[in-house]
């Protein structure tokens, strides 16, 4: 769902053009950035699902970076940081918007993941793991993710081409974002 998360960034950038695209891209991937750090430390991991390959074929053991409580905390911390340091430049509610982009990662993962998402950090409390398992239906999952990519690309390009004073630069920005979104979608599909 890498590309789908990026698609959300494109949609939000179209809605809130004063927010830097780089900030939105990082916000949409914040749980995965945390995951990579924890995986490198041996705390979290990826495992292939037996008999599967390609799109959605990994079981993700991420009880810290992707838990519901972690998503709420990460959204709050990053949103607060934006509020404290950038609200004057990006708007008084920019922290809420960036925090929402961070939390959108958890919502999209809930949709596609198998039940491998903890509620409490570290799987504490013995609560059941969550995940609606859309990855069990690769074509449907790819259609949902593709729709997010198309929406993010089209809305970003529309807003950029409409508002940017330099047409050539606007086209280049739009092509760059389109390549990022479509390229990450192809990467997702190829597994």
N, C-alpha and C. Protein backbone atom coordinates (compact mmCIF):
# COMPACT_ATOMS: atom_id res chain seq x y z
N UNK A 1 0.83 -1.20 0.00
CA UNK A 1 0.00 0.00 0.00
C UNK A 1 0.87 1.26 0.00
N UNK A 2 2.14 1.10 -0.27
CA UNK A 2 3.05 2.25 -0.35
C UNK A 2 2.47 3.34 -1.25
N UNK A 3 2.06 2.97 -2.43
CA UNK A 3 1.56 3.95 -3.39
C UNK A 3 0.25 4.58 -2.93
N UNK A 4 -0.61 3.81 -2.31
CA UNK A 4 -1.87 4.34 -1.81
C UNK A 4 -1.66 5.43 -0.77
N UNK A 5 -0.67 5.21 0.11
CA UNK A 5 -0.34 6.23 1.11
C UNK A 5 0.16 7.50 0.42
N UNK A 6 0.99 7.33 -0.59
CA UNK A 6 1.46 8.49 -1.36
C UNK A 6 0.29 9.19 -2.06
N UNK A 7 -0.69 8.41 -2.53
CA UNK A 7 -1.87 8.99 -3.17
C UNK A 7 -2.61 9.93 -2.24
N UNK A 8 -2.72 9.55 -0.97
CA UNK A 8 -3.35 10.43 0.02
C UNK A 8 -2.60 11.76 0.09
N UNK A 9 -1.27 11.69 0.05
CA UNK A 9 -0.46 12.92 0.08
C UNK A 9 -0.81 13.85 -1.08
N UNK A 10 -0.97 13.28 -2.27
CA UNK A 10 -1.34 14.09 -3.44
C UNK A 10 -2.70 14.73 -3.28
N UNK A 11 -3.65 13.98 -2.72
CA UNK A 11 -4.99 14.54 -2.50
C UNK A 11 -4.95 15.68 -1.49
N UNK A 12 -4.22 15.47 -0.40
CA UNK A 12 -4.15 16.51 0.63
C UNK A 12 -3.41 17.74 0.10
N UNK A 13 -2.38 17.54 -0.70
CA UNK A 13 -1.65 18.68 -1.28
C UNK A 13 -2.57 19.51 -2.17
N UNK A 14 -3.46 18.85 -2.90
CA UNK A 14 -4.43 19.58 -3.73
C UNK A 14 -5.38 20.40 -2.87
N UNK A 15 -5.75 19.87 -1.72
CA UNK A 15 -6.67 20.54 -0.80
C UNK A 15 -5.97 21.65 -0.03
N UNK A 16 -4.72 21.39 0.37
CA UNK A 16 -3.95 22.33 1.19
C UNK A 16 -2.61 22.63 0.53
N UNK A 17 -2.59 23.44 -0.52
CA UNK A 17 -1.36 23.67 -1.30
C UNK A 17 -0.23 24.32 -0.51
N UNK A 18 -0.53 24.96 0.61
CA UNK A 18 0.53 25.59 1.40
C UNK A 18 1.39 24.58 2.16
N UNK A 19 0.90 23.35 2.30
CA UNK A 19 1.69 22.31 2.97
C UNK A 19 2.71 21.74 2.00
N UNK A 20 3.97 21.63 2.41
CA UNK A 20 4.99 21.08 1.51
C UNK A 20 4.71 19.61 1.18
N UNK A 21 4.86 19.27 -0.10
CA UNK A 21 4.62 17.89 -0.52
C UNK A 21 5.54 16.92 0.21
N UNK A 22 6.79 17.32 0.44
CA UNK A 22 7.72 16.45 1.16
C UNK A 22 7.22 16.10 2.55
N UNK A 23 6.66 17.08 3.24
CA UNK A 23 6.12 16.85 4.58
C UNK A 23 4.96 15.86 4.51
N UNK A 24 4.09 16.04 3.52
CA UNK A 24 2.94 15.15 3.37
C UNK A 24 3.38 13.73 3.01
N UNK A 25 4.38 13.60 2.15
CA UNK A 25 4.88 12.26 1.79
C UNK A 25 5.47 11.56 3.00
N UNK A 26 6.27 12.27 3.78
CA UNK A 26 6.85 11.68 4.99
C UNK A 26 5.75 11.34 5.99
N UNK A 27 4.78 12.24 6.17
CA UNK A 27 3.68 11.98 7.11
C UNK A 27 2.91 10.73 6.71
N UNK A 28 2.68 10.55 5.42
CA UNK A 28 1.91 9.39 4.97
C UNK A 28 2.67 8.08 5.18
N UNK A 29 3.98 8.17 5.29
CA UNK A 29 4.82 6.97 5.46
C UNK A 29 5.42 6.88 6.86
N UNK A 30 5.06 7.75 7.78
CA UNK A 30 5.69 7.78 9.10
C UNK A 30 5.69 6.42 9.81
N UNK A 31 4.57 5.67 9.83
CA UNK A 31 4.64 4.35 10.48
C UNK A 31 5.61 3.40 9.79
N UNK A 32 5.72 3.48 8.46
CA UNK A 32 6.66 2.61 7.75
C UNK A 32 8.10 3.04 7.99
N UNK A 33 8.34 4.33 8.14
CA UNK A 33 9.68 4.81 8.47
C UNK A 33 10.08 4.29 9.84
N UNK A 34 9.16 4.36 10.79
CA UNK A 34 9.42 3.79 12.12
C UNK A 34 9.63 2.28 12.02
N UNK A 35 8.82 1.62 11.20
CA UNK A 35 8.96 0.18 11.01
C UNK A 35 10.35 -0.18 10.50
N UNK A 36 10.85 0.54 9.50
CA UNK A 36 12.18 0.24 8.95
C UNK A 36 13.26 0.34 10.02
N UNK A 37 13.15 1.34 10.88
CA UNK A 37 14.12 1.48 11.97
C UNK A 37 14.03 0.29 12.93
N UNK A 38 12.82 -0.09 13.28
CA UNK A 38 12.63 -1.21 14.21
C UNK A 38 13.00 -2.54 13.56
N UNK A 39 12.74 -2.68 12.28
CA UNK A 39 13.13 -3.91 11.57
C UNK A 39 14.66 -4.02 11.50
N UNK A 40 15.32 -2.90 11.25
CA UNK A 40 16.79 -2.91 11.21
C UNK A 40 17.37 -3.29 12.56
N UNK A 41 16.66 -2.95 13.64
CA UNK A 41 17.09 -3.30 14.99
C UNK A 41 16.66 -4.71 15.39
N UNK A 42 15.92 -5.40 14.51
CA UNK A 42 15.47 -6.76 14.80
C UNK A 42 14.23 -6.86 15.67
N UNK A 43 13.55 -5.74 15.89
CA UNK A 43 12.37 -5.72 16.74
C UNK A 43 11.11 -6.09 15.96
N UNK A 44 11.03 -5.67 14.70
CA UNK A 44 9.89 -5.99 13.83
C UNK A 44 10.41 -6.66 12.57
N UNK A 45 9.49 -7.29 11.81
CA UNK A 45 9.97 -8.05 10.64
C UNK A 45 8.86 -8.24 9.61
N UNK A 46 9.29 -8.72 8.44
CA UNK A 46 8.40 -9.14 7.36
C UNK A 46 8.62 -10.63 7.13
N UNK A 47 7.55 -11.36 6.89
CA UNK A 47 7.66 -12.78 6.58
C UNK A 47 6.81 -13.08 5.36
N UNK A 48 7.33 -13.90 4.43
CA UNK A 48 6.51 -14.28 3.29
C UNK A 48 5.33 -15.16 3.74
N UNK A 49 4.19 -14.98 3.10
CA UNK A 49 3.03 -15.82 3.36
C UNK A 49 3.20 -17.08 2.51
N UNK A 50 3.09 -18.23 3.13
CA UNK A 50 3.29 -19.50 2.43
C UNK A 50 2.36 -19.60 1.22
N UNK A 51 2.94 -19.97 0.08
CA UNK A 51 2.16 -20.17 -1.13
C UNK A 51 1.77 -18.91 -1.86
N UNK A 52 2.26 -17.75 -1.43
CA UNK A 52 1.90 -16.48 -2.07
C UNK A 52 3.16 -15.80 -2.57
N UNK A 53 3.00 -15.01 -3.61
CA UNK A 53 4.09 -14.17 -4.07
C UNK A 53 3.49 -12.92 -4.70
N UNK A 54 4.31 -11.89 -4.82
CA UNK A 54 3.84 -10.66 -5.43
C UNK A 54 3.06 -9.78 -4.48
N UNK A 55 2.08 -9.10 -5.02
CA UNK A 55 1.33 -8.07 -4.31
C UNK A 55 0.67 -8.61 -3.03
N UNK A 56 0.96 -7.99 -1.90
CA UNK A 56 0.34 -8.36 -0.64
C UNK A 56 0.77 -9.69 -0.09
N UNK A 57 1.97 -10.16 -0.46
CA UNK A 57 2.37 -11.52 -0.09
C UNK A 57 3.21 -11.58 1.18
N UNK A 58 3.27 -10.51 1.94
CA UNK A 58 4.08 -10.51 3.15
C UNK A 58 3.20 -10.37 4.39
N UNK A 59 3.57 -11.12 5.43
CA UNK A 59 2.95 -10.96 6.74
C UNK A 59 3.85 -9.99 7.51
N UNK A 60 3.29 -8.95 7.99
CA UNK A 60 4.07 -7.90 8.63
C UNK A 60 3.94 -8.03 10.14
N UNK A 61 5.07 -8.25 10.78
CA UNK A 61 5.11 -8.32 12.24
C UNK A 61 5.58 -6.95 12.73
N UNK A 62 4.62 -6.08 13.04
CA UNK A 62 4.92 -4.69 13.39
C UNK A 62 4.07 -4.25 14.58
N UNK A 63 4.24 -4.92 15.74
CA UNK A 63 3.37 -4.61 16.88
C UNK A 63 3.66 -3.26 17.55
N UNK A 64 4.73 -2.63 17.16
CA UNK A 64 5.04 -1.31 17.73
C UNK A 64 4.74 -0.19 16.74
N UNK A 65 5.28 -0.28 15.55
CA UNK A 65 5.15 0.82 14.59
C UNK A 65 3.75 0.94 14.01
N UNK A 66 2.99 -0.15 13.95
CA UNK A 66 1.70 -0.12 13.27
C UNK A 66 0.50 -0.37 14.19
N UNK A 67 0.72 -0.44 15.49
CA UNK A 67 -0.39 -0.61 16.43
C UNK A 67 -1.29 0.63 16.40
N UNK A 68 -2.55 0.43 16.71
CA UNK A 68 -3.49 1.55 16.76
C UNK A 68 -3.01 2.64 17.72
N UNK A 69 -2.60 2.24 18.92
CA UNK A 69 -2.12 3.21 19.89
C UNK A 69 -0.89 3.96 19.36
N UNK A 70 0.00 3.24 18.70
CA UNK A 70 1.19 3.88 18.11
C UNK A 70 0.79 4.88 17.05
N UNK A 71 -0.20 4.54 16.23
CA UNK A 71 -0.67 5.45 15.18
C UNK A 71 -1.24 6.72 15.78
N UNK A 72 -2.01 6.57 16.85
CA UNK A 72 -2.58 7.75 17.52
C UNK A 72 -1.46 8.62 18.09
N UNK A 73 -0.50 7.99 18.76
CA UNK A 73 0.61 8.74 19.36
C UNK A 73 1.49 9.41 18.31
N UNK A 74 1.83 8.68 17.25
CA UNK A 74 2.67 9.23 16.19
C UNK A 74 1.95 10.38 15.49
N UNK A 75 0.66 10.23 15.26
CA UNK A 75 -0.13 11.31 14.65
C UNK A 75 -0.14 12.55 15.53
N UNK A 76 -0.32 12.33 16.84
CA UNK A 76 -0.36 13.45 17.78
C UNK A 76 0.99 14.15 17.87
N UNK A 77 2.06 13.38 17.96
CA UNK A 77 3.40 13.97 18.10
C UNK A 77 3.78 14.76 16.84
N UNK A 78 3.62 14.15 15.67
CA UNK A 78 3.98 14.85 14.44
C UNK A 78 3.06 16.04 14.18
N UNK A 79 1.77 15.87 14.48
CA UNK A 79 0.85 17.00 14.34
C UNK A 79 1.20 18.14 15.28
N UNK A 80 1.58 17.82 16.51
CA UNK A 80 1.97 18.85 17.48
C UNK A 80 3.25 19.56 17.04
N UNK A 81 4.21 18.80 16.52
CA UNK A 81 5.45 19.42 16.03
C UNK A 81 5.16 20.42 14.91
N UNK A 82 4.31 20.03 13.98
CA UNK A 82 3.94 20.94 12.89
C UNK A 82 3.21 22.15 13.45
N UNK A 83 2.30 21.91 14.39
CA UNK A 83 1.56 23.03 14.99
C UNK A 83 2.50 24.03 15.66
N UNK A 84 3.47 23.50 16.41
CA UNK A 84 4.38 24.38 17.15
C UNK A 84 5.34 25.15 16.25
N UNK A 85 5.83 24.50 15.18
CA UNK A 85 6.89 25.12 14.39
C UNK A 85 6.47 25.65 13.03
N UNK A 86 5.30 25.31 12.56
CA UNK A 86 4.99 25.72 11.19
C UNK A 86 3.59 26.30 11.01
N UNK A 87 2.82 26.43 12.07
CA UNK A 87 1.45 26.91 11.88
C UNK A 87 1.39 28.31 11.28
N UNK A 88 2.40 29.13 11.56
CA UNK A 88 2.43 30.48 10.98
C UNK A 88 2.60 30.47 9.47
N UNK A 89 3.32 29.49 8.96
CA UNK A 89 3.56 29.40 7.51
C UNK A 89 2.52 28.54 6.81
N UNK A 90 2.05 27.48 7.47
CA UNK A 90 1.20 26.49 6.80
C UNK A 90 -0.25 26.55 7.23
N UNK A 91 -0.59 27.42 8.17
CA UNK A 91 -1.97 27.57 8.61
C UNK A 91 -2.17 27.05 10.02
N UNK A 92 -3.14 27.63 10.74
CA UNK A 92 -3.33 27.29 12.14
C UNK A 92 -3.78 25.85 12.38
N UNK A 93 -4.35 25.22 11.38
CA UNK A 93 -4.79 23.83 11.55
C UNK A 93 -3.87 22.83 10.85
N UNK A 94 -2.69 23.29 10.42
CA UNK A 94 -1.78 22.41 9.68
C UNK A 94 -1.35 21.20 10.49
N UNK A 95 -1.21 21.36 11.79
CA UNK A 95 -0.85 20.22 12.64
C UNK A 95 -1.92 19.14 12.60
N UNK A 96 -3.18 19.55 12.62
CA UNK A 96 -4.28 18.59 12.53
C UNK A 96 -4.25 17.87 11.18
N UNK A 97 -3.98 18.62 10.13
CA UNK A 97 -3.97 18.03 8.79
C UNK A 97 -2.83 17.02 8.68
N UNK A 98 -1.64 17.40 9.09
CA UNK A 98 -0.50 16.47 9.02
C UNK A 98 -0.74 15.27 9.92
N UNK A 99 -1.25 15.48 11.12
CA UNK A 99 -1.59 14.36 12.00
C UNK A 99 -2.61 13.44 11.35
N UNK A 100 -3.57 14.01 10.64
CA UNK A 100 -4.56 13.20 9.93
C UNK A 100 -3.95 12.37 8.82
N UNK A 101 -2.98 12.95 8.12
CA UNK A 101 -2.29 12.20 7.06
C UNK A 101 -1.53 11.03 7.68
N UNK A 102 -0.86 11.27 8.82
CA UNK A 102 -0.17 10.18 9.51
C UNK A 102 -1.17 9.08 9.87
N UNK A 103 -2.31 9.46 10.43
CA UNK A 103 -3.29 8.45 10.86
C UNK A 103 -3.95 7.74 9.68
N UNK A 104 -4.02 8.40 8.54
CA UNK A 104 -4.60 7.75 7.36
C UNK A 104 -3.82 6.49 6.99
N UNK A 105 -2.54 6.46 7.32
CA UNK A 105 -1.72 5.27 7.06
C UNK A 105 -2.33 4.07 7.78
N UNK A 106 -2.68 4.26 9.05
CA UNK A 106 -3.24 3.15 9.83
C UNK A 106 -4.59 2.72 9.24
N UNK A 107 -5.41 3.66 8.86
CA UNK A 107 -6.73 3.31 8.31
C UNK A 107 -6.60 2.51 7.02
N UNK A 108 -5.70 2.92 6.14
CA UNK A 108 -5.51 2.16 4.89
C UNK A 108 -4.91 0.79 5.17
N UNK A 109 -3.97 0.72 6.10
CA UNK A 109 -3.39 -0.57 6.45
C UNK A 109 -4.45 -1.49 7.06
N UNK A 110 -5.34 -0.95 7.87
CA UNK A 110 -6.43 -1.76 8.43
C UNK A 110 -7.24 -2.40 7.31
N UNK A 111 -7.47 -1.67 6.26
CA UNK A 111 -8.24 -2.17 5.13
C UNK A 111 -7.54 -3.32 4.42
N UNK A 112 -6.24 -3.21 4.18
CA UNK A 112 -5.56 -4.20 3.34
C UNK A 112 -4.85 -5.31 4.11
N UNK A 113 -4.37 -5.05 5.29
CA UNK A 113 -3.59 -6.06 6.02
C UNK A 113 -4.45 -7.24 6.44
N UNK A 114 -3.77 -8.38 6.53
CA UNK A 114 -4.36 -9.52 7.23
C UNK A 114 -4.41 -9.13 8.71
N UNK A 115 -5.06 -9.92 9.56
CA UNK A 115 -5.10 -9.56 10.98
C UNK A 115 -3.70 -9.63 11.62
N UNK A 116 -2.90 -8.60 11.37
CA UNK A 116 -1.55 -8.53 11.93
C UNK A 116 -1.25 -7.17 12.55
N UNK A 117 -2.31 -6.38 12.79
CA UNK A 117 -2.13 -5.04 13.35
C UNK A 117 -2.61 -5.05 14.80
N UNK A 118 -1.67 -4.77 15.72
CA UNK A 118 -2.00 -4.76 17.15
C UNK A 118 -2.85 -3.53 17.48
N UNK A 119 -3.65 -3.66 18.52
CA UNK A 119 -4.42 -2.52 19.02
C UNK A 119 -3.52 -1.69 19.94
N UNK A 120 -2.95 -2.36 20.95
CA UNK A 120 -2.05 -1.69 21.87
C UNK A 120 -0.61 -1.97 21.45
N UNK A 121 0.26 -1.03 21.72
CA UNK A 121 1.65 -1.15 21.33
C UNK A 121 2.27 -2.42 21.90
N UNK A 122 2.95 -3.16 21.04
CA UNK A 122 3.58 -4.41 21.43
C UNK A 122 2.61 -5.56 21.56
N UNK A 123 1.37 -5.35 21.21
CA UNK A 123 0.37 -6.40 21.34
C UNK A 123 -0.09 -6.59 22.78
N UNK A 124 0.15 -5.60 23.62
CA UNK A 124 -0.21 -5.68 25.04
C UNK A 124 -1.70 -5.89 25.22
N UNK A 125 -2.05 -6.50 26.32
CA UNK A 125 -3.44 -6.67 26.69
C UNK A 125 -4.11 -7.88 26.07
N UNK A 126 -3.41 -8.60 25.21
CA UNK A 126 -3.98 -9.80 24.61
C UNK A 126 -5.17 -9.53 23.70
N UNK A 127 -5.32 -8.31 23.24
CA UNK A 127 -6.43 -7.98 22.35
C UNK A 127 -6.20 -8.61 20.98
N UNK A 128 -7.27 -8.91 20.26
CA UNK A 128 -7.09 -9.51 18.93
C UNK A 128 -6.39 -8.53 17.99
N UNK A 129 -5.65 -9.10 17.07
CA UNK A 129 -5.00 -8.29 16.04
C UNK A 129 -6.03 -7.96 14.96
N UNK A 130 -5.86 -6.81 14.33
CA UNK A 130 -6.84 -6.31 13.37
C UNK A 130 -6.31 -6.36 11.94
N UNK A 131 -7.21 -6.36 11.01
CA UNK A 131 -6.89 -6.30 9.59
C UNK A 131 -8.05 -6.91 8.81
N UNK A 132 -8.55 -6.18 7.83
CA UNK A 132 -9.70 -6.66 7.05
C UNK A 132 -9.29 -7.56 5.90
N UNK A 133 -7.99 -7.63 5.59
CA UNK A 133 -7.48 -8.63 4.66
C UNK A 133 -7.75 -8.42 3.19
N UNK A 134 -7.86 -7.19 2.74
CA UNK A 134 -8.11 -6.95 1.32
C UNK A 134 -6.99 -7.54 0.45
N UNK A 135 -5.79 -7.68 1.01
CA UNK A 135 -4.70 -8.29 0.26
C UNK A 135 -4.99 -9.75 -0.12
N UNK A 136 -5.95 -10.37 0.53
CA UNK A 136 -6.34 -11.74 0.16
C UNK A 136 -7.03 -11.75 -1.21
N UNK A 137 -7.41 -10.59 -1.67
CA UNK A 137 -8.04 -10.42 -2.99
C UNK A 137 -7.19 -9.42 -3.78
N UNK A 138 -6.06 -9.90 -4.32
CA UNK A 138 -5.07 -8.98 -4.91
C UNK A 138 -5.63 -8.04 -5.98
N UNK A 139 -6.53 -8.51 -6.81
CA UNK A 139 -7.07 -7.64 -7.85
C UNK A 139 -7.87 -6.49 -7.24
N UNK A 140 -8.72 -6.81 -6.27
CA UNK A 140 -9.51 -5.78 -5.61
C UNK A 140 -8.61 -4.80 -4.85
N UNK A 141 -7.60 -5.33 -4.15
CA UNK A 141 -6.66 -4.47 -3.42
C UNK A 141 -5.92 -3.55 -4.39
N UNK A 142 -5.51 -4.09 -5.53
CA UNK A 142 -4.80 -3.28 -6.53
C UNK A 142 -5.72 -2.20 -7.10
N UNK A 143 -7.00 -2.52 -7.28
CA UNK A 143 -7.95 -1.52 -7.78
C UNK A 143 -8.13 -0.38 -6.78
N UNK A 144 -8.24 -0.71 -5.50
CA UNK A 144 -8.38 0.32 -4.47
C UNK A 144 -7.13 1.19 -4.42
N UNK A 145 -5.97 0.53 -4.40
CA UNK A 145 -4.73 1.30 -4.36
C UNK A 145 -4.54 2.12 -5.63
N UNK A 146 -4.87 1.53 -6.76
CA UNK A 146 -4.78 2.26 -8.02
C UNK A 146 -5.68 3.48 -8.03
N UNK A 147 -6.88 3.35 -7.46
CA UNK A 147 -7.80 4.49 -7.39
C UNK A 147 -7.20 5.62 -6.53
N UNK A 148 -6.54 5.26 -5.43
CA UNK A 148 -5.89 6.27 -4.60
C UNK A 148 -4.76 6.97 -5.36
N UNK A 149 -4.00 6.19 -6.12
CA UNK A 149 -2.90 6.75 -6.92
C UNK A 149 -3.45 7.69 -7.98
N UNK A 150 -4.47 7.26 -8.70
CA UNK A 150 -5.06 8.10 -9.75
C UNK A 150 -5.63 9.38 -9.14
N UNK A 151 -6.38 9.24 -8.05
CA UNK A 151 -6.97 10.43 -7.42
C UNK A 151 -5.89 11.39 -6.95
N UNK A 152 -4.86 10.87 -6.28
CA UNK A 152 -3.78 11.73 -5.81
C UNK A 152 -3.05 12.42 -6.94
N UNK A 153 -2.79 11.68 -8.01
CA UNK A 153 -2.07 12.24 -9.16
C UNK A 153 -2.91 13.30 -9.87
N UNK A 154 -4.15 12.98 -10.15
CA UNK A 154 -5.02 13.91 -10.89
C UNK A 154 -5.29 15.17 -10.07
N UNK A 155 -5.60 15.02 -8.80
CA UNK A 155 -5.89 16.20 -7.98
C UNK A 155 -4.65 17.07 -7.79
N UNK A 156 -3.51 16.42 -7.57
CA UNK A 156 -2.27 17.20 -7.44
C UNK A 156 -1.97 17.96 -8.73
N UNK A 157 -2.05 17.27 -9.85
CA UNK A 157 -1.76 17.91 -11.14
C UNK A 157 -2.75 19.04 -11.42
N UNK A 158 -4.03 18.81 -11.15
CA UNK A 158 -5.04 19.84 -11.38
C UNK A 158 -4.72 21.10 -10.57
N UNK A 159 -4.44 20.92 -9.29
CA UNK A 159 -4.19 22.08 -8.43
C UNK A 159 -2.89 22.79 -8.82
N UNK A 160 -1.86 22.00 -9.11
CA UNK A 160 -0.57 22.59 -9.46
C UNK A 160 -0.65 23.34 -10.78
N UNK A 161 -1.27 22.74 -11.78
CA UNK A 161 -1.39 23.40 -13.08
C UNK A 161 -2.28 24.64 -13.00
N UNK A 162 -3.27 24.59 -12.14
CA UNK A 162 -4.18 25.73 -11.99
C UNK A 162 -3.53 26.90 -11.28
N UNK A 163 -2.73 26.62 -10.25
CA UNK A 163 -2.25 27.68 -9.37
C UNK A 163 -0.81 28.14 -9.60
N UNK A 164 0.00 27.32 -10.23
CA UNK A 164 1.42 27.66 -10.33
C UNK A 164 1.63 28.70 -11.43
N UNK A 165 2.37 29.78 -11.13
CA UNK A 165 2.55 30.84 -12.12
C UNK A 165 3.44 30.44 -13.31
N UNK A 166 4.30 29.47 -13.09
CA UNK A 166 5.19 29.03 -14.18
C UNK A 166 4.69 27.70 -14.71
N UNK A 167 4.11 27.74 -15.88
CA UNK A 167 3.47 26.56 -16.47
C UNK A 167 4.44 25.39 -16.64
N UNK A 168 5.63 25.65 -17.14
CA UNK A 168 6.60 24.57 -17.37
C UNK A 168 6.97 23.90 -16.05
N UNK A 169 7.22 24.70 -15.04
CA UNK A 169 7.56 24.15 -13.73
C UNK A 169 6.39 23.34 -13.16
N UNK A 170 5.18 23.83 -13.33
CA UNK A 170 4.00 23.11 -12.85
C UNK A 170 3.87 21.76 -13.54
N UNK A 171 4.13 21.72 -14.83
CA UNK A 171 4.07 20.45 -15.56
C UNK A 171 5.14 19.50 -15.04
N UNK A 172 6.35 20.01 -14.82
CA UNK A 172 7.43 19.17 -14.31
C UNK A 172 7.11 18.64 -12.91
N UNK A 173 6.58 19.48 -12.04
CA UNK A 173 6.17 19.03 -10.71
C UNK A 173 5.12 17.92 -10.83
N UNK A 174 4.14 18.14 -11.67
CA UNK A 174 3.07 17.17 -11.83
C UNK A 174 3.58 15.85 -12.39
N UNK A 175 4.46 15.92 -13.37
CA UNK A 175 5.05 14.70 -13.94
C UNK A 175 5.88 13.98 -12.88
N UNK A 176 6.64 14.73 -12.10
CA UNK A 176 7.45 14.13 -11.04
C UNK A 176 6.60 13.40 -10.02
N UNK A 177 5.53 14.03 -9.57
CA UNK A 177 4.63 13.38 -8.60
C UNK A 177 3.95 12.18 -9.24
N UNK A 178 3.53 12.31 -10.49
CA UNK A 178 2.90 11.18 -11.18
C UNK A 178 3.86 10.00 -11.28
N UNK A 179 5.12 10.26 -11.62
CA UNK A 179 6.10 9.18 -11.70
C UNK A 179 6.32 8.53 -10.34
N UNK A 180 6.38 9.33 -9.28
CA UNK A 180 6.54 8.79 -7.93
C UNK A 180 5.36 7.89 -7.57
N UNK A 181 4.15 8.38 -7.79
CA UNK A 181 2.97 7.61 -7.41
C UNK A 181 2.81 6.36 -8.26
N UNK A 182 2.92 6.50 -9.56
CA UNK A 182 2.75 5.35 -10.45
C UNK A 182 3.90 4.36 -10.25
N UNK A 183 5.12 4.88 -10.11
CA UNK A 183 6.26 4.00 -9.88
C UNK A 183 6.14 3.21 -8.60
N UNK A 184 5.68 3.85 -7.53
CA UNK A 184 5.50 3.12 -6.27
C UNK A 184 4.37 2.11 -6.37
N UNK A 185 3.36 2.41 -7.18
CA UNK A 185 2.27 1.45 -7.39
C UNK A 185 2.77 0.23 -8.14
N UNK A 186 3.56 0.44 -9.18
CA UNK A 186 4.14 -0.69 -9.92
C UNK A 186 5.04 -1.50 -8.99
N UNK A 187 5.82 -0.82 -8.17
CA UNK A 187 6.68 -1.50 -7.19
C UNK A 187 5.82 -2.37 -6.26
N UNK A 188 4.71 -1.82 -5.77
CA UNK A 188 3.79 -2.60 -4.92
C UNK A 188 3.28 -3.83 -5.65
N UNK A 189 2.85 -3.65 -6.88
CA UNK A 189 2.27 -4.76 -7.64
C UNK A 189 3.28 -5.87 -7.88
N UNK A 190 4.52 -5.50 -8.13
CA UNK A 190 5.55 -6.50 -8.41
C UNK A 190 6.06 -7.18 -7.15
N UNK A 191 5.71 -6.59 -6.00
CA UNK A 191 6.09 -7.19 -4.72
C UNK A 191 7.55 -7.06 -4.48
